[in-house]
PDB file of N, CA and C in Angstrom:
ATOM      1  N   UNK A   1      64.204  98.367  81.649  1.00  0.00           N
ATOM      2  CA  UNK A   1      65.573  98.852  81.938  1.00  0.00           C
ATOM      3  C   UNK A   1      66.145  97.936  83.021  1.00  0.00           C
ATOM      4  N   UNK A   2      67.482  97.844  82.837  1.00  0.00           N
ATOM      5  CA  UNK A   2      68.160  96.941  83.839  1.00  0.00           C
ATOM      6  C   UNK A   2      68.872  97.793  84.893  1.00  0.00           C
ATOM      7  N   UNK A   3      69.414  97.213  85.948  1.00  0.00           N
ATOM      8  CA  UNK A   3      70.075  97.914  87.052  1.00  0.00           C
ATOM      9  C   UNK A   3      71.275  98.683  86.629  1.00  0.00           C
ATOM     10  N   UNK A   4      72.072  98.075  85.783  1.00  0.00           N
ATOM     11  CA  UNK A   4      73.341  98.758  85.385  1.00  0.00           C
ATOM     12  C   UNK A   4      72.945 100.065  84.553  1.00  0.00           C
ATOM     13  N   UNK A   5      71.972  99.956  83.756  1.00  0.00           N
ATOM     14  CA  UNK A   5      71.538 101.140  82.948  1.00  0.00           C
ATOM     15  C   UNK A   5      70.939 102.257  83.926  1.00  0.00           C
ATOM     16  N   UNK A   6      70.270 101.839  84.947  1.00  0.00           N
ATOM     17  CA  UNK A   6      69.755 102.798  85.884  1.00  0.00           C
ATOM     18  C   UNK A   6      70.857 103.522  86.686  1.00  0.00           C
ATOM     19  N   UNK A   7      71.859 102.725  87.007  1.00  0.00           N
ATOM     20  CA  UNK A   7      73.049 103.316  87.667  1.00  0.00           C
ATOM     21  C   UNK A   7      73.731 104.334  86.784  1.00  0.00           C
ATOM     22  N   UNK A   8      73.925 103.906  85.594  1.00  0.00           N
ATOM     23  CA  UNK A   8      74.604 104.753  84.523  1.00  0.00           C
ATOM     24  C   UNK A   8      73.824 106.045  84.378  1.00  0.00           C
ATOM     25  N   UNK A   9      72.491 105.950  84.166  1.00  0.00           N
ATOM     26  CA  UNK A   9      71.647 107.140  83.947  1.00  0.00           C
ATOM     27  C   UNK A   9      71.631 108.005  85.195  1.00  0.00           C
ATOM     28  N   UNK A  10      71.702 107.434  86.418  1.00  0.00           N
ATOM     29  CA  UNK A  10      71.647 108.234  87.639  1.00  0.00           C
ATOM     30  C   UNK A  10      72.980 109.111  87.761  1.00  0.00           C
ATOM     31  N   UNK A  11      74.097 108.445  87.530  1.00  0.00           N
ATOM     32  CA  UNK A  11      75.427 109.106  87.544  1.00  0.00           C
ATOM     33  C   UNK A  11      75.379 110.256  86.516  1.00  0.00           C
ATOM     34  N   UNK A  12      74.924 110.058  85.293  1.00  0.00           N
ATOM     35  CA  UNK A  12      74.924 111.081  84.292  1.00  0.00           C
ATOM     36  C   UNK A  12      73.897 112.223  84.814  1.00  0.00           C
ATOM     37  N   UNK A  13      72.829 111.934  85.284  1.00  0.00           N
ATOM     38  CA  UNK A  13      71.852 112.813  85.794  1.00  0.00           C
ATOM     39  C   UNK A  13      72.479 113.744  86.920  1.00  0.00           C
ATOM     40  N   UNK A  14      73.141 113.109  87.872  1.00  0.00           N
ATOM     41  CA  UNK A  14      73.768 113.895  88.918  1.00  0.00           C
ATOM     42  C   UNK A  14      74.867 114.768  88.421  1.00  0.00           C
ATOM     43  N   UNK A  15      75.687 114.337  87.441  1.00  0.00           N
ATOM     44  CA  UNK A  15      76.746 115.154  86.873  1.00  0.00           C
ATOM     45  C   UNK A  15      76.140 116.307  86.124  1.00  0.00           C
ATOM     46  N   UNK A  16      75.103 116.146  85.426  1.00  0.00           N
ATOM     47  CA  UNK A  16      74.410 117.176  84.717  1.00  0.00           C
ATOM     48  C   UNK A  16      73.838 118.202  85.686  1.00  0.00           C
ATOM     49  N   UNK A  17      73.147 117.760  86.750  1.00  0.00           N
ATOM     50  CA  UNK A  17      72.683 118.689  87.709  1.00  0.00           C
ATOM     51  C   UNK A  17      73.651 119.540  88.347  1.00  0.00           C
ATOM     52  N   UNK A  18      74.827 118.990  88.592  1.00  0.00           N
ATOM     53  CA  UNK A  18      75.941 119.672  89.237  1.00  0.00           C
ATOM     54  C   UNK A  18      76.979 120.356  88.241  1.00  0.00           C
ATOM     55  N   UNK A  19      76.666 120.104  87.027  1.00  0.00           N
ATOM     56  CA  UNK A  19      77.443 120.771  85.923  1.00  0.00           C
ATOM     57  C   UNK A  19      78.965 120.362  86.134  1.00  0.00           C
ATOM     58  N   UNK A  20      79.234 119.047  86.373  1.00  0.00           N
ATOM     59  CA  UNK A  20      80.553 118.560  86.496  1.00  0.00           C
ATOM     60  C   UNK A  20      80.806 117.457  85.439  1.00  0.00           C
ATOM     61  N   UNK A  21      82.112 117.218  85.126  1.00  0.00           N
ATOM     62  CA  UNK A  21      82.469 116.279  84.136  1.00  0.00           C
ATOM     63  C   UNK A  21      82.631 114.885  84.795  1.00  0.00           C
ATOM     64  N   UNK A  22      82.757 113.873  84.001  1.00  0.00           N
ATOM     65  CA  UNK A  22      83.028 112.576  84.564  1.00  0.00           C
ATOM     66  C   UNK A  22      84.437 112.560  85.238  1.00  0.00           C
ATOM     67  N   UNK A  23      85.447 113.260  84.561  1.00  0.00           N
ATOM     68  CA  UNK A  23      86.744 113.311  85.135  1.00  0.00           C
ATOM     69  C   UNK A  23      86.723 114.014  86.526  1.00  0.00           C
ATOM     70  N   UNK A  24      85.941 115.089  86.576  1.00  0.00           N
ATOM     71  CA  UNK A  24      85.854 115.873  87.884  1.00  0.00           C
ATOM     72  C   UNK A  24      85.205 114.926  88.925  1.00  0.00           C
ATOM     73  N   UNK A  25      84.156 114.280  88.561  1.00  0.00           N
ATOM     74  CA  UNK A  25      83.542 113.276  89.463  1.00  0.00           C
ATOM     75  C   UNK A  25      84.533 112.250  90.009  1.00  0.00           C
ATOM     76  N   UNK A  26      85.226 111.622  89.038  1.00  0.00           N
ATOM     77  CA  UNK A  26      86.178 110.672  89.390  1.00  0.00           C
ATOM     78  C   UNK A  26      87.177 111.124  90.413  1.00  0.00           C
ATOM     79  N   UNK A  27      87.723 112.362  90.188  1.00  0.00           N
ATOM     80  CA  UNK A  27      88.752 113.016  91.055  1.00  0.00           C
ATOM     81  C   UNK A  27      88.165 113.216  92.433  1.00  0.00           C
ATOM     82  N   UNK A  28      86.922 113.814  92.418  1.00  0.00           N
ATOM     83  CA  UNK A  28      86.324 114.018  93.814  1.00  0.00           C
ATOM     84  C   UNK A  28      85.911 112.733  94.500  1.00  0.00           C
ATOM     85  N   UNK A  29      85.767 111.708  93.799  1.00  0.00           N
ATOM     86  CA  UNK A  29      85.396 110.350  94.421  1.00  0.00           C
ATOM     87  C   UNK A  29      86.586 109.538  94.707  1.00  0.00           C
ATOM     88  N   UNK A  30      87.762 110.003  94.348  1.00  0.00           N
ATOM     89  CA  UNK A  30      88.992 109.255  94.591  1.00  0.00           C
ATOM     90  C   UNK A  30      89.067 107.962  93.704  1.00  0.00           C
ATOM     91  N   UNK A  31      88.472 108.045  92.504  1.00  0.00           N
ATOM     92  CA  UNK A  31      88.435 106.964  91.566  1.00  0.00           C
ATOM     93  C   UNK A  31      89.195 107.369  90.339  1.00  0.00           C
ATOM     94  N   UNK A  32      89.583 106.295  89.555  1.00  0.00           N
ATOM     95  CA  UNK A  32      90.200 106.698  88.245  1.00  0.00           C
ATOM     96  C   UNK A  32      89.096 106.933  87.264  1.00  0.00           C
ATOM     97  N   UNK A  33      89.385 108.003  86.323  1.00  0.00           N
ATOM     98  CA  UNK A  33      88.379 108.225  85.342  1.00  0.00           C
ATOM     99  C   UNK A  33      87.925 106.899  84.563  1.00  0.00           C
ATOM    100  N   UNK A  34      88.873 105.967  84.364  1.00  0.00           N
ATOM    101  CA  UNK A  34      88.498 104.808  83.629  1.00  0.00           C
ATOM    102  C   UNK A  34      87.516 103.898  84.403  1.00  0.00           C
ATOM    103  N   UNK A  35      87.637 103.896  85.791  1.00  0.00           N
ATOM    104  CA  UNK A  35      86.633 103.148  86.549  1.00  0.00           C
ATOM    105  C   UNK A  35      85.197 103.741  86.399  1.00  0.00           C
ATOM    106  N   UNK A  36      85.104 104.958  86.348  1.00  0.00           N
ATOM    107  CA  UNK A  36      83.818 105.613  86.230  1.00  0.00           C
ATOM    108  C   UNK A  36      83.337 105.304  84.762  1.00  0.00           C
ATOM    109  N   UNK A  37      84.227 105.650  83.796  1.00  0.00           N
ATOM    110  CA  UNK A  37      83.792 105.363  82.432  1.00  0.00           C
ATOM    111  C   UNK A  37      83.377 103.916  82.098  1.00  0.00           C
ATOM    112  N   UNK A  38      84.085 102.995  82.793  1.00  0.00           N
ATOM    113  CA  UNK A  38      83.705 101.617  82.578  1.00  0.00           C
ATOM    114  C   UNK A  38      82.283 101.293  83.021  1.00  0.00           C
ATOM    115  N   UNK A  39      81.720 101.958  84.028  1.00  0.00           N
ATOM    116  CA  UNK A  39      80.362 101.851  84.509  1.00  0.00           C
ATOM    117  C   UNK A  39      79.541 102.553  83.387  1.00  0.00           C
ATOM    118  N   UNK A  40      79.881 103.746  82.919  1.00  0.00           N
ATOM    119  CA  UNK A  40      79.043 104.499  82.065  1.00  0.00           C
ATOM    120  C   UNK A  40      78.945 103.865  80.641  1.00  0.00           C
ATOM    121  N   UNK A  41      80.019 103.201  80.184  1.00  0.00           N
ATOM    122  CA  UNK A  41      80.001 102.583  78.847  1.00  0.00           C
ATOM    123  C   UNK A  41      79.726 101.118  78.941  1.00  0.00           C
ATOM    124  N   UNK A  42      79.275 100.605  80.066  1.00  0.00           N
ATOM    125  CA  UNK A  42      78.849  99.231  80.086  1.00  0.00           C
ATOM    126  C   UNK A  42      79.918  98.134  80.103  1.00  0.00           C
ATOM    127  N   UNK A  43      81.178  98.539  80.330  1.00  0.00           N
ATOM    128  CA  UNK A  43      82.215  97.537  80.473  1.00  0.00           C
ATOM    129  C   UNK A  43      82.158  96.919  81.812  1.00  0.00           C
ATOM    130  N   UNK A  44      81.662  97.677  82.824  1.00  0.00           N
ATOM    131  CA  UNK A  44      81.482  97.096  84.104  1.00  0.00           C
ATOM    132  C   UNK A  44      80.001  96.746  84.316  1.00  0.00           C
ATOM    133  N   UNK A  45      79.651  95.472  84.243  1.00  0.00           N
ATOM    134  CA  UNK A  45      78.298  95.018  84.258  1.00  0.00           C
ATOM    135  C   UNK A  45      77.833  94.750  85.618  1.00  0.00           C
ATOM    136  N   UNK A  46      78.749  94.852  86.630  1.00  0.00           N
ATOM    137  CA  UNK A  46      78.373  94.658  88.050  1.00  0.00           C
ATOM    138  C   UNK A  46      79.126  95.561  88.978  1.00  0.00           C
ATOM    139  N   UNK A  47      78.858  96.865  88.871  1.00  0.00           N
ATOM    140  CA  UNK A  47      79.642  97.872  89.757  1.00  0.00           C
ATOM    141  C   UNK A  47      79.542  97.570  91.195  1.00  0.00           C
ATOM    142  N   UNK A  48      80.547  97.589  91.951  1.00  0.00           N
ATOM    143  CA  UNK A  48      80.574  97.255  93.345  1.00  0.00           C
ATOM    144  C   UNK A  48      79.841  98.336  94.128  1.00  0.00           C
ATOM    145  N   UNK A  49      79.206  97.922  95.178  1.00  0.00           N
ATOM    146  CA  UNK A  49      78.551  98.915  95.987  1.00  0.00           C
ATOM    147  C   UNK A  49      79.576  99.890  96.648  1.00  0.00           C
ATOM    148  N   UNK A  50      80.747  99.524  96.908  1.00  0.00           N
ATOM    149  CA  UNK A  50      81.797 100.443  97.497  1.00  0.00           C
ATOM    150  C   UNK A  50      82.159 101.510  96.409  1.00  0.00           C
ATOM    151  N   UNK A  51      82.165 101.146  95.102  1.00  0.00           N
ATOM    152  CA  UNK A  51      82.413 102.092  94.036  1.00  0.00           C
ATOM    153  C   UNK A  51      81.323 103.169  93.994  1.00  0.00           C
ATOM    154  N   UNK A  52      80.080 102.597  94.059  1.00  0.00           N
ATOM    155  CA  UNK A  52      78.880 103.476  94.010  1.00  0.00           C
ATOM    156  C   UNK A  52      78.964 104.459  95.214  1.00  0.00           C
ATOM    157  N   UNK A  53      79.320 103.882  96.486  1.00  0.00           N
ATOM    158  CA  UNK A  53      79.467 104.772  97.653  1.00  0.00           C
ATOM    159  C   UNK A  53      80.510 105.796  97.478  1.00  0.00           C
ATOM    160  N   UNK A  54      81.571 105.513  96.850  1.00  0.00           N
ATOM    161  CA  UNK A  54      82.654 106.429  96.596  1.00  0.00           C
ATOM    162  C   UNK A  54      82.203 107.573  95.697  1.00  0.00           C
ATOM    163  N   UNK A  55      81.383 107.166  94.658  1.00  0.00           N
ATOM    164  CA  UNK A  55      80.760 108.204  93.775  1.00  0.00           C
ATOM    165  C   UNK A  55      79.797 109.084  94.560  1.00  0.00           C
ATOM    166  N   UNK A  56      79.055 108.392  95.442  1.00  0.00           N
ATOM    167  CA  UNK A  56      78.137 109.243  96.300  1.00  0.00           C
ATOM    168  C   UNK A  56      78.897 110.289  97.136  1.00  0.00           C
ATOM    169  N   UNK A  57      79.954 109.737  97.736  1.00  0.00           N
ATOM    170  CA  UNK A  57      80.849 110.708  98.541  1.00  0.00           C
ATOM    171  C   UNK A  57      81.399 111.868  97.680  1.00  0.00           C
ATOM    172  N   UNK A  58      81.778 111.567  96.491  1.00  0.00           N
ATOM    173  CA  UNK A  58      82.268 112.614  95.603  1.00  0.00           C
ATOM    174  C   UNK A  58      81.206 113.558  95.183  1.00  0.00           C
ATOM    175  N   UNK A  59      79.972 113.115  95.120  1.00  0.00           N
ATOM    176  CA  UNK A  59      78.827 113.993  94.851  1.00  0.00           C
ATOM    177  C   UNK A  59      78.221 114.613  96.034  1.00  0.00           C
ATOM    178  N   UNK A  60      78.769 114.225  97.249  1.00  0.00           N
ATOM    179  CA  UNK A  60      78.184 114.699  98.565  1.00  0.00           C
ATOM    180  C   UNK A  60      76.723 114.404  98.739  1.00  0.00           C
ATOM    181  N   UNK A  61      76.433 113.067  98.430  1.00  0.00           N
ATOM    182  CA  UNK A  61      75.056 112.549  98.598  1.00  0.00           C
ATOM    183  C   UNK A  61      75.167 111.191  99.368  1.00  0.00           C
ATOM    184  N   UNK A  62      74.104 110.741  99.922  1.00  0.00           N
ATOM    185  CA  UNK A  62      74.055 109.398 100.556  1.00  0.00           C
ATOM    186  C   UNK A  62      73.704 108.325  99.565  1.00  0.00           C
ATOM    187  N   UNK A  63      73.964 107.080  99.828  1.00  0.00           N
ATOM    188  CA  UNK A  63      73.535 105.968  99.008  1.00  0.00           C
ATOM    189  C   UNK A  63      71.998 106.042  98.848  1.00  0.00           C
ATOM    190  N   UNK A  64      71.332 106.372  99.989  1.00  0.00           N
ATOM    191  CA  UNK A  64      69.878 106.445  99.874  1.00  0.00           C
ATOM    192  C   UNK A  64      69.374 107.499  98.866  1.00  0.00           C
ATOM    193  N   UNK A  65      70.093 108.615  98.866  1.00  0.00           N
ATOM    194  CA  UNK A  65      69.730 109.708  97.809  1.00  0.00           C
ATOM    195  C   UNK A  65      70.038 109.211  96.506  1.00  0.00           C
ATOM    196  N   UNK A  66      71.089 108.460  96.232  1.00  0.00           N
ATOM    197  CA  UNK A  66      71.422 107.949  94.950  1.00  0.00           C
ATOM    198  C   UNK A  66      70.355 107.085  94.480  1.00  0.00           C
ATOM    199  N   UNK A  67      69.891 106.121  95.288  1.00  0.00           N
ATOM    200  CA  UNK A  67      68.935 105.128  94.829  1.00  0.00           C
ATOM    201  C   UNK A  67      67.513 105.486  94.895  1.00  0.00           C
ATOM    202  N   UNK A  68      67.212 106.665  95.495  1.00  0.00           N
ATOM    203  CA  UNK A  68      65.860 107.103  95.730  1.00  0.00           C
ATOM    204  C   UNK A  68      65.286 107.809  94.563  1.00  0.00           C
ATOM    205  N   UNK A  69      65.017 107.065  93.504  1.00  0.00           N
ATOM    206  CA  UNK A  69      64.436 107.622  92.310  1.00  0.00           C
ATOM    207  C   UNK A  69      63.355 106.662  91.655  1.00  0.00           C
ATOM    208  N   UNK A  70      62.373 107.203  90.957  1.00  0.00           N
ATOM    209  CA  UNK A  70      61.439 106.276  90.401  1.00  0.00           C
ATOM    210  C   UNK A  70      62.113 105.190  89.503  1.00  0.00           C
ATOM    211  N   UNK A  71      63.206 105.578  88.930  1.00  0.00           N
ATOM    212  CA  UNK A  71      63.845 104.644  88.028  1.00  0.00           C
ATOM    213  C   UNK A  71      64.278 103.350  88.736  1.00  0.00           C
ATOM    214  N   UNK A  72      64.869 103.527  89.983  1.00  0.00           N
ATOM    215  CA  UNK A  72      65.227 102.322  90.743  1.00  0.00           C
ATOM    216  C   UNK A  72      63.971 101.687  91.381  1.00  0.00           C
ATOM    217  N   UNK A  73      62.963 102.433  91.833  1.00  0.00           N
ATOM    218  CA  UNK A  73      61.790 101.899  92.349  1.00  0.00           C
ATOM    219  C   UNK A  73      61.080 100.946  91.372  1.00  0.00           C
ATOM    220  N   UNK A  74      61.147 101.295  90.052  1.00  0.00           N
ATOM    221  CA  UNK A  74      60.383 100.521  89.091  1.00  0.00           C
ATOM    222  C   UNK A  74      61.237  99.420  88.371  1.00  0.00           C
ATOM    223  N   UNK A  75      62.397  99.149  88.790  1.00  0.00           N
ATOM    224  CA  UNK A  75      63.230  98.017  88.215  1.00  0.00           C
ATOM    225  C   UNK A  75      62.544  96.697  88.379  1.00  0.00           C
ATOM    226  N   UNK A  76      62.680  95.900  87.336  1.00  0.00           N
ATOM    227  CA  UNK A  76      62.160  94.546  87.350  1.00  0.00           C
ATOM    228  C   UNK A  76      63.039  93.712  88.282  1.00  0.00           C
ATOM    229  N   UNK A  77      62.580  92.683  88.896  1.00  0.00           N
ATOM    230  CA  UNK A  77      63.364  91.797  89.685  1.00  0.00           C
ATOM    231  C   UNK A  77      64.376  91.094  88.793  1.00  0.00           C
ATOM    232  N   UNK A  78      65.552  90.957  89.307  1.00  0.00           N
ATOM    233  CA  UNK A  78      66.686  90.435  88.516  1.00  0.00           C
ATOM    234  C   UNK A  78      66.555  88.842  88.435  1.00  0.00           C
ATOM    235  N   UNK A  79      65.926  88.244  89.423  1.00  0.00           N
ATOM    236  CA  UNK A  79      65.742  86.791  89.465  1.00  0.00           C
ATOM    237  C   UNK A  79      64.198  86.555  89.157  1.00  0.00           C
ATOM    238  N   UNK A  80      63.951  85.785  88.157  1.00  0.00           N
ATOM    239  CA  UNK A  80      62.559  85.505  87.869  1.00  0.00           C
ATOM    240  C   UNK A  80      62.149  84.073  88.370  1.00  0.00           C
TER     241      UNK A  80
END
């Protein structure tokens, strides 16, 4: 699994846990729904950390909480 897929999966997981839609997340994160959907559908291959921070703010979690999952811990190194 790559980093972008891990980010996508984590966003979807957090939305499911909170029973919120992507549009609701975008609104609470002060982002456009298209920005969030670009990450989820792979159009954004390198989401900015500021965008992820805004999503975390919208979800009321820290960046540390966002990235603190086995999925991120087990990512392969990007540079070989």
